C-alpha atoms as a PDB file:
ATOM      1  CA  MET A   1     -81.447  17.028  33.109  1.00  0.00           C
ATOM      2  CA  ALA A   2     -80.980  18.645  29.713  1.00  0.00           C
ATOM      3  CA  ARG A   3     -82.416  18.240  26.227  1.00  0.00           C
ATOM      4  CA  VAL A   4     -79.469  17.239  24.037  1.00  0.00           C
ATOM      5  CA  LEU A   5     -79.038  16.769  20.296  1.00  0.00           C
ATOM      6  CA  LEU A   6     -76.207  14.376  19.433  1.00  0.00           C
ATOM      7  CA  LEU A   7     -74.699  14.394  15.947  1.00  0.00           C
ATOM      8  CA  GLY A   8     -72.537  11.448  14.958  1.00  0.00           C
ATOM      9  CA  SER A   9     -74.337   9.099  17.320  1.00  0.00           C
ATOM     10  CA  THR A  10     -73.852   5.908  15.298  1.00  0.00           C
ATOM     11  CA  GLY A  11     -70.065   6.117  15.031  1.00  0.00           C
ATOM     12  CA  PHE A  12     -67.436   4.541  17.260  1.00  0.00           C
ATOM     13  CA  LEU A  13     -67.402   7.334  19.839  1.00  0.00           C
ATOM     14  CA  GLY A  14     -71.033   8.268  19.284  1.00  0.00           C
ATOM     15  CA  ARG A  15     -72.313   4.921  20.510  1.00  0.00           C
ATOM     16  CA  GLY A  16     -70.530   5.416  23.810  1.00  0.00           C
ATOM     17  CA  VAL A  17     -71.690   9.027  24.195  1.00  0.00           C
ATOM     18  CA  ALA A  18     -75.317   8.235  23.367  1.00  0.00           C
ATOM     19  CA  HIS A  19     -75.611   5.587  26.052  1.00  0.00           C
ATOM     20  CA  LYS A  20     -73.790   7.762  28.604  1.00  0.00           C
ATOM     21  CA  LEU A  21     -76.274  10.574  27.930  1.00  0.00           C
ATOM     22  CA  LEU A  22     -79.187   8.223  28.462  1.00  0.00           C
ATOM     23  CA  ASP A  23     -77.574   6.759  31.576  1.00  0.00           C
ATOM     24  CA  ALA A  24     -77.290  10.283  32.997  1.00  0.00           C
ATOM     25  CA  GLY A  25     -80.996  10.920  32.431  1.00  0.00           C
ATOM     26  CA  HIS A  26     -80.687  13.457  29.623  1.00  0.00           C
ATOM     27  CA  GLN A  27     -83.449  13.745  27.008  1.00  0.00           C
ATOM     28  CA  LEU A  28     -81.580  12.553  23.938  1.00  0.00           C
ATOM     29  CA  ARG A  29     -82.337  13.396  20.330  1.00  0.00           C
ATOM     30  CA  VAL A  30     -80.229  11.971  17.497  1.00  0.00           C
ATOM     31  CA  LEU A  31     -80.088  12.854  13.817  1.00  0.00           C
ATOM     32  CA  VAL A  32     -79.171   9.824  11.719  1.00  0.00           C
ATOM     33  CA  ARG A  33     -79.277   8.769   8.074  1.00  0.00           C
ATOM     34  CA  ASP A  34     -80.148   5.175   8.951  1.00  0.00           C
ATOM     35  CA  PRO A  35     -82.715   4.868  11.784  1.00  0.00           C
ATOM     36  CA  LEU A  36     -81.984   1.155  12.187  1.00  0.00           C
ATOM     37  CA  LYS A  37     -78.534   2.048  13.530  1.00  0.00           C
ATOM     38  CA  ALA A  38     -80.194   4.122  16.256  1.00  0.00           C
ATOM     39  CA  ALA A  39     -82.733   1.466  17.290  1.00  0.00           C
ATOM     40  CA  ALA A  40     -80.941   0.808  20.585  1.00  0.00           C
ATOM     41  CA  TYR A  41     -81.320   4.475  21.538  1.00  0.00           C
ATOM     42  CA  LYS A  42     -85.002   4.609  20.589  1.00  0.00           C
ATOM     43  CA  VAL A  43     -85.716   1.598  22.788  1.00  0.00           C
ATOM     44  CA  ARG A  44     -84.210   3.542  25.694  1.00  0.00           C
ATOM     45  CA  GLY A  45     -86.400   6.582  25.044  1.00  0.00           C
ATOM     46  CA  ALA A  46     -84.325   8.701  22.671  1.00  0.00           C
ATOM     47  CA  GLN A  47     -85.976  10.642  19.866  1.00  0.00           C
ATOM     48  CA  VAL A  48     -84.652   9.544  16.477  1.00  0.00           C
ATOM     49  CA  LEU A  49     -84.818  11.972  13.544  1.00  0.00           C
ATOM     50  CA  VAL A  50     -83.828  10.962  10.036  1.00  0.00           C
ATOM     51  CA  GLY A  51     -81.540  13.345   8.180  1.00  0.00           C
ATOM     52  CA  ASP A  52     -77.987  14.260   7.255  1.00  0.00           C
ATOM     53  CA  ALA A  53     -75.809  16.037   9.820  1.00  0.00           C
ATOM     54  CA  LEU A  54     -74.245  17.988   6.934  1.00  0.00           C
ATOM     55  CA  ASN A  55     -77.612  19.305   5.732  1.00  0.00           C
ATOM     56  CA  PRO A  56     -78.230  22.797   7.205  1.00  0.00           C
ATOM     57  CA  ALA A  57     -82.030  22.479   7.094  1.00  0.00           C
ATOM     58  CA  ALA A  58     -81.967  19.066   8.788  1.00  0.00           C
ATOM     59  CA  VAL A  59     -79.654  20.251  11.577  1.00  0.00           C
ATOM     60  CA  HIS A  60     -81.659  23.451  12.104  1.00  0.00           C
ATOM     61  CA  GLN A  61     -84.864  21.451  12.444  1.00  0.00           C
ATOM     62  CA  ALA A  62     -83.231  18.886  14.744  1.00  0.00           C
ATOM     63  CA  ALA A  63     -81.866  21.639  16.998  1.00  0.00           C
ATOM     64  CA  GLN A  64     -85.283  23.142  17.652  1.00  0.00           C
ATOM     65  CA  GLY A  65     -86.205  22.888  21.330  1.00  0.00           C
ATOM     66  CA  VAL A  66     -82.914  21.426  22.573  1.00  0.00           C
ATOM     67  CA  GLU A  67     -80.600  23.118  25.038  1.00  0.00           C
ATOM     68  CA  HIS A  68     -77.278  21.663  23.934  1.00  0.00           C
ATOM     69  CA  VAL A  69     -75.804  20.163  20.777  1.00  0.00           C
ATOM     70  CA  VAL A  70     -72.919  17.680  20.839  1.00  0.00           C
ATOM     71  CA  SER A  71     -71.137  17.106  17.529  1.00  0.00           C
ATOM     72  CA  LEU A  72     -68.795  14.205  16.876  1.00  0.00           C
ATOM     73  CA  VAL A  73     -69.022  14.514  13.089  1.00  0.00           C
ATOM     74  CA  ALA A  74     -65.677  14.343  11.271  1.00  0.00           C
ATOM     75  CA  VAL A  75     -63.782  12.280   8.697  1.00  0.00           C
ATOM     76  CA  ARG A  76     -60.189  11.051   8.961  1.00  0.00           C
ATOM     77  CA  ARG A  77     -59.808  10.463   5.221  1.00  0.00           C
ATOM     78  CA  ASN A  78     -60.264  12.966   2.404  1.00  0.00           C
ATOM     79  CA  HIS A  79     -62.403  10.552   0.378  1.00  0.00           C
ATOM     80  CA  PRO A  80     -65.240   9.918  -0.395  1.00  0.00           C
ATOM     81  CA  GLN A  81     -66.340  12.885   1.726  1.00  0.00           C
ATOM     82  CA  SER A  82     -63.792  15.680   1.768  1.00  0.00           C
ATOM     83  CA  TYR A  83     -62.097  17.342   4.717  1.00  0.00           C
ATOM     84  CA  LEU A  84     -63.483  20.653   3.482  1.00  0.00           C
ATOM     85  CA  ALA A  85     -67.097  19.512   3.346  1.00  0.00           C
ATOM     86  CA  VAL A  86     -67.138  17.645   6.670  1.00  0.00           C
ATOM     87  CA  ASN A  87     -64.378  18.972   8.942  1.00  0.00           C
ATOM     88  CA  VAL A  88     -64.466  22.631   7.880  1.00  0.00           C
ATOM     89  CA  ASP A  89     -67.861  23.520   6.416  1.00  0.00           C
ATOM     90  CA  GLY A  90     -69.658  21.135   8.792  1.00  0.00           C
ATOM     91  CA  PRO A  91     -68.795  23.014  12.018  1.00  0.00           C
ATOM     92  CA  ARG A  92     -69.667  26.366  10.397  1.00  0.00           C
ATOM     93  CA  MET A  93     -73.062  25.070   9.342  1.00  0.00           C
ATOM     94  CA  LEU A  94     -73.566  23.521  12.781  1.00  0.00           C
ATOM     95  CA  GLY A  95     -72.781  26.801  14.538  1.00  0.00           C
ATOM     96  CA  GLU A  96     -75.133  28.779  12.326  1.00  0.00           C
ATOM     97  CA  ALA A  97     -77.981  26.291  12.783  1.00  0.00           C
ATOM     98  CA  ALA A  98     -77.477  26.025  16.555  1.00  0.00           C
ATOM     99  CA  LYS A  99     -77.355  29.787  16.991  1.00  0.00           C
ATOM    100  CA  ALA A 100     -80.495  30.276  14.910  1.00  0.00           C
ATOM    101  CA  ALA A 101     -82.274  27.632  16.996  1.00  0.00           C
ATOM    102  CA  GLY A 102     -81.271  29.389  20.222  1.00  0.00           C
ATOM    103  CA  VAL A 103     -79.383  26.518  21.852  1.00  0.00           C
ATOM    104  CA  SER A 104     -77.441  27.282  25.016  1.00  0.00           C
ATOM    105  CA  SER A 105     -74.189  25.643  23.929  1.00  0.00           C
ATOM    106  CA  VAL A 106     -72.403  23.487  21.399  1.00  0.00           C
ATOM    107  CA  ILE A 107     -69.856  20.876  22.423  1.00  0.00           C
ATOM    108  CA  TYR A 108     -67.588  20.154  19.478  1.00  0.00           C
ATOM    109  CA  VAL A 109     -65.232  17.196  19.623  1.00  0.00           C
ATOM    110  CA  SER A 110     -61.883  17.694  17.885  1.00  0.00           C
ATOM    111  CA  VAL A 111     -58.405  16.205  18.207  1.00  0.00           C
ATOM    112  CA  ILE A 112     -55.179  17.024  19.998  1.00  0.00           C
ATOM    113  CA  GLY A 113     -52.716  18.387  17.466  1.00  0.00           C
ATOM    114  CA  ALA A 114     -55.283  20.380  15.505  1.00  0.00           C
ATOM    115  CA  LYS A 115     -53.348  23.282  13.992  1.00  0.00           C
ATOM    116  CA  LEU A 116     -52.632  25.094  10.754  1.00  0.00           C
ATOM    117  CA  ASP A 117     -49.890  23.000   9.149  1.00  0.00           C
ATOM    118  CA  PRO A 118     -49.789  22.229   5.405  1.00  0.00           C
ATOM    119  CA  LYS A 119     -47.923  18.966   6.086  1.00  0.00           C
ATOM    120  CA  TYR A 120     -50.904  17.533   7.969  1.00  0.00           C
ATOM    121  CA  LYS A 121     -54.114  18.165   6.044  1.00  0.00           C
ATOM    122  CA  TYR A 122     -56.332  16.289   8.491  1.00  0.00           C
ATOM    123  CA  LEU A 123     -55.133  18.233  11.537  1.00  0.00           C
ATOM    124  CA  THR A 124     -55.352  21.473   9.567  1.00  0.00           C
ATOM    125  CA  SER A 125     -58.943  20.690   8.632  1.00  0.00           C
ATOM    126  CA  ARG A 126     -59.866  20.085  12.275  1.00  0.00           C
ATOM    127  CA  TRP A 127     -58.275  23.401  13.291  1.00  0.00           C
ATOM    128  CA  MET A 128     -60.109  25.209  10.505  1.00  0.00           C
ATOM    129  CA  GLY A 129     -63.359  23.629  11.654  1.00  0.00           C
ATOM    130  CA  GLU A 130     -62.802  24.912  15.176  1.00  0.00           C
ATOM    131  CA  GLN A 131     -62.210  28.391  13.766  1.00  0.00           C
ATOM    132  CA  GLU A 132     -65.323  28.274  11.591  1.00  0.00           C
ATOM    133  CA  LEU A 133     -67.464  27.233  14.550  1.00  0.00           C
ATOM    134  CA  ALA A 134     -66.087  30.068  16.678  1.00  0.00           C
ATOM    135  CA  LYS A 135     -66.773  32.627  13.928  1.00  0.00           C
ATOM    136  CA  THR A 136     -70.506  31.903  14.097  1.00  0.00           C
ATOM    137  CA  GLY A 137     -70.597  33.339  17.605  1.00  0.00           C
ATOM    138  CA  VAL A 138     -72.423  30.387  19.120  1.00  0.00           C
ATOM    139  CA  ALA A 139     -71.537  29.599  22.732  1.00  0.00           C
ATOM    140  CA  GLY A 140     -69.486  26.454  22.858  1.00  0.00           C
ATOM    141  CA  THR A 141     -66.700  24.279  24.177  1.00  0.00           C
ATOM    142  CA  ILE A 142     -64.140  22.436  22.082  1.00  0.00           C
ATOM    143  CA  LEU A 143     -62.859  19.130  23.433  1.00  0.00           C
ATOM    144  CA  ARG A 144     -59.646  17.899  21.814  1.00  0.00           C
ATOM    145  CA  PHE A 145     -59.028  14.218  22.471  1.00  0.00           C
ATOM    146  CA  SER A 146     -55.930  12.099  22.140  1.00  0.00           C
ATOM    147  CA  LEU A 147     -56.176   8.626  20.577  1.00  0.00           C
ATOM    148  CA  ILE A 148     -59.426   6.963  21.638  1.00  0.00           C
ATOM    149  CA  LEU A 149     -59.316   3.224  22.319  1.00  0.00           C
ATOM    150  CA  GLY A 150     -62.143   0.734  22.444  1.00  0.00           C
ATOM    151  CA  GLU A 151     -63.656  -2.307  20.838  1.00  0.00           C
ATOM    152  CA  GLU A 152     -65.143  -2.179  17.338  1.00  0.00           C
ATOM    153  CA  GLY A 153     -63.488   0.989  16.136  1.00  0.00           C
ATOM    154  CA  GLY A 154     -61.116   3.747  17.178  1.00  0.00           C
ATOM    155  CA  THR A 155     -57.349   3.777  16.926  1.00  0.00           C
ATOM    156  CA  LEU A 156     -56.741   0.058  17.502  1.00  0.00           C
ATOM    157  CA  ASP A 157     -59.193  -0.779  14.754  1.00  0.00           C
ATOM    158  CA  PHE A 158     -57.274   1.553  12.419  1.00  0.00           C
ATOM    159  CA  PHE A 159     -53.968  -0.171  13.232  1.00  0.00           C
ATOM    160  CA  GLU A 160     -55.529  -3.610  12.799  1.00  0.00           C
ATOM    161  CA  ARG A 161     -56.924  -2.778   9.372  1.00  0.00           C
ATOM    162  CA  THR A 162     -53.628  -1.215   8.305  1.00  0.00           C
ATOM    163  CA  ALA A 163     -51.642  -4.263   9.447  1.00  0.00           C
ATOM    164  CA  LYS A 164     -53.612  -6.507   7.105  1.00  0.00           C
ATOM    165  CA  PHE A 165     -52.085  -4.838   4.043  1.00  0.00           C
ATOM    166  CA  GLY A 166     -48.531  -5.990   4.680  1.00  0.00           C
ATOM    167  CA  PRO A 167     -45.723  -6.682   7.134  1.00  0.00           C
ATOM    168  CA  MET A 168     -45.110  -2.993   7.881  1.00  0.00           C
ATOM    169  CA  ILE A 169     -47.142  -0.170   9.429  1.00  0.00           C
ATOM    170  CA  VAL A 170     -46.197   3.401   8.575  1.00  0.00           C
ATOM    171  CA  ILE A 171     -46.084   5.672  11.634  1.00  0.00           C
ATOM    172  CA  PRO A 172     -46.388   9.420  10.873  1.00  0.00           C
ATOM    173  CA  GLY A 173     -43.481  11.653  11.891  1.00  0.00           C
ATOM    174  CA  THR A 174     -40.320  10.243  13.479  1.00  0.00           C
ATOM    175  CA  GLY A 175     -42.097   7.317  15.104  1.00  0.00           C
ATOM    176  CA  LEU A 176     -40.974   8.611  18.506  1.00  0.00           C
ATOM    177  CA  THR A 177     -44.066  10.707  19.184  1.00  0.00           C
ATOM    178  CA  GLN A 178     -45.744   9.781  22.449  1.00  0.00           C
ATOM    179  CA  PHE A 179     -49.465   9.674  23.091  1.00  0.00           C
ATOM    180  CA  GLN A 180     -51.825   9.530  26.042  1.00  0.00           C
ATOM    181  CA  PRO A 181     -54.634   7.309  24.697  1.00  0.00           C
ATOM    182  CA  ILE A 182     -58.001   7.471  26.396  1.00  0.00           C
ATOM    183  CA  LEU A 183     -60.650   4.758  26.631  1.00  0.00           C
ATOM    184  CA  ARG A 184     -63.909   5.369  24.806  1.00  0.00           C
ATOM    185  CA  GLU A 185     -65.857   5.049  28.055  1.00  0.00           C
ATOM    186  CA  ASP A 186     -63.746   7.764  29.678  1.00  0.00           C
ATOM    187  CA  ALA A 187     -63.937  10.041  26.627  1.00  0.00           C
ATOM    188  CA  SER A 188     -67.712   9.623  26.556  1.00  0.00           C
ATOM    189  CA  ARG A 189     -67.964  10.521  30.218  1.00  0.00           C
ATOM    190  CA  CYS A 190     -65.872  13.665  29.675  1.00  0.00           C
ATOM    191  CA  ILE A 191     -68.206  14.795  26.912  1.00  0.00           C
ATOM    192  CA  VAL A 192     -71.341  14.208  28.980  1.00  0.00           C
ATOM    193  CA  ASP A 193     -69.820  15.957  32.007  1.00  0.00           C
ATOM    194  CA  THR A 194     -69.178  19.063  29.878  1.00  0.00           C
ATOM    195  CA  ILE A 195     -72.889  19.591  29.231  1.00  0.00           C
ATOM    196  CA  GLY A 196     -74.229  22.574  31.145  1.00  0.00           C
ATOM    197  CA  ARG A 197     -70.794  23.747  32.288  1.00  0.00           C
ATOM    198  CA  ALA A 198     -71.000  27.501  31.741  1.00  0.00           C
ATOM    199  CA  ASP A 199     -67.457  27.868  33.088  1.00  0.00           C
ATOM    200  CA  LEU A 200     -66.135  25.909  30.090  1.00  0.00           C
ATOM    201  CA  LEU A 201     -67.789  27.992  27.372  1.00  0.00           C
ATOM    202  CA  GLY A 202     -65.313  29.557  24.969  1.00  0.00           C
ATOM    203  CA  LYS A 203     -62.534  27.183  25.992  1.00  0.00           C
ATOM    204  CA  ILE A 204     -60.497  24.544  24.182  1.00  0.00           C
ATOM    205  CA  ILE A 205     -59.741  21.592  26.448  1.00  0.00           C
ATOM    206  CA  GLU A 206     -57.244  18.845  25.605  1.00  0.00           C
ATOM    207  CA  LEU A 207     -57.936  15.422  27.066  1.00  0.00           C
ATOM    208  CA  GLY A 208     -56.026  12.160  27.213  1.00  0.00           C
ATOM    209  CA  GLY A 209     -55.550   9.127  29.390  1.00  0.00           C
ATOM    210  CA  PRO A 210     -53.203   8.704  32.364  1.00  0.00           C
ATOM    211  CA  GLU A 211     -50.503   6.656  30.591  1.00  0.00           C
ATOM    212  CA  VAL A 212     -47.922   7.995  28.135  1.00  0.00           C
ATOM    213  CA  GLN A 213     -47.297   5.503  25.328  1.00  0.00           C
ATOM    214  CA  SER A 214     -45.433   5.299  22.030  1.00  0.00           C
ATOM    215  CA  PRO A 215     -47.264   4.328  18.810  1.00  0.00           C
ATOM    216  CA  TRP A 216     -45.322   1.044  18.825  1.00  0.00           C
ATOM    217  CA  ARG A 217     -47.286  -0.296  21.771  1.00  0.00           C
ATOM    218  CA  PRO A 218     -50.636  -0.778  19.976  1.00  0.00           C
ATOM    219  CA  CYS A 219     -48.731  -2.094  16.949  1.00  0.00           C
ATOM    220  CA  SER A 220     -46.964  -4.711  19.043  1.00  0.00           C
ATOM    221  CA  LYS A 221     -50.285  -5.828  20.535  1.00  0.00           C
ATOM    222  CA  ILE A 222     -51.690  -6.378  17.071  1.00  0.00           C
ATOM    223  CA  ARG A 223     -48.648  -8.337  15.903  1.00  0.00           C
ATOM    224  CA  SER A 224     -48.513 -10.509  19.016  1.00  0.00           C
END
């Protein structure tokens, strides 16, 4: 089993990934700002370091002695932390720190639809982050996920919070776009299964669930 540093471990997806890593027998290290949020990992044997995943010195120190780094760090809103600071500069800093620490690979989690498009600043920022990571020359794999579903966070949580503001929910685009949502448990397993896969280095892999759905389906579940 491998020594793995997980960044973004206390978020919606991070909680699933952290426990999957421990279930698989990996030696887990997490870098968190609030150690209380990582107490469940420490109880299971994970090493908990206190620091900011956007601080180059903290990430460099945390990456010492690990074989792989998994990063889930990103923001979906441009405030209070900006797309530039988190989604663009963050991956560049991560790549530089991981390369300097001599890690074998970085697994960077992005989103399906990441591309250079001025109409969609979030997706543009994710694409730019992928590019910045690649420029550092660190060995890595980029996993682009579709909508991730699960309790206490993710896409359904976003729809639920949005629905509280009024009788309408604004759907980006034409409203006819179809998605292949994936469960958090399945997304977490995909991330863990990528660790140590030399055949996936340098690749961008897009992942979704088995069912094709319209954005109206989660909305209708919330309204019902």
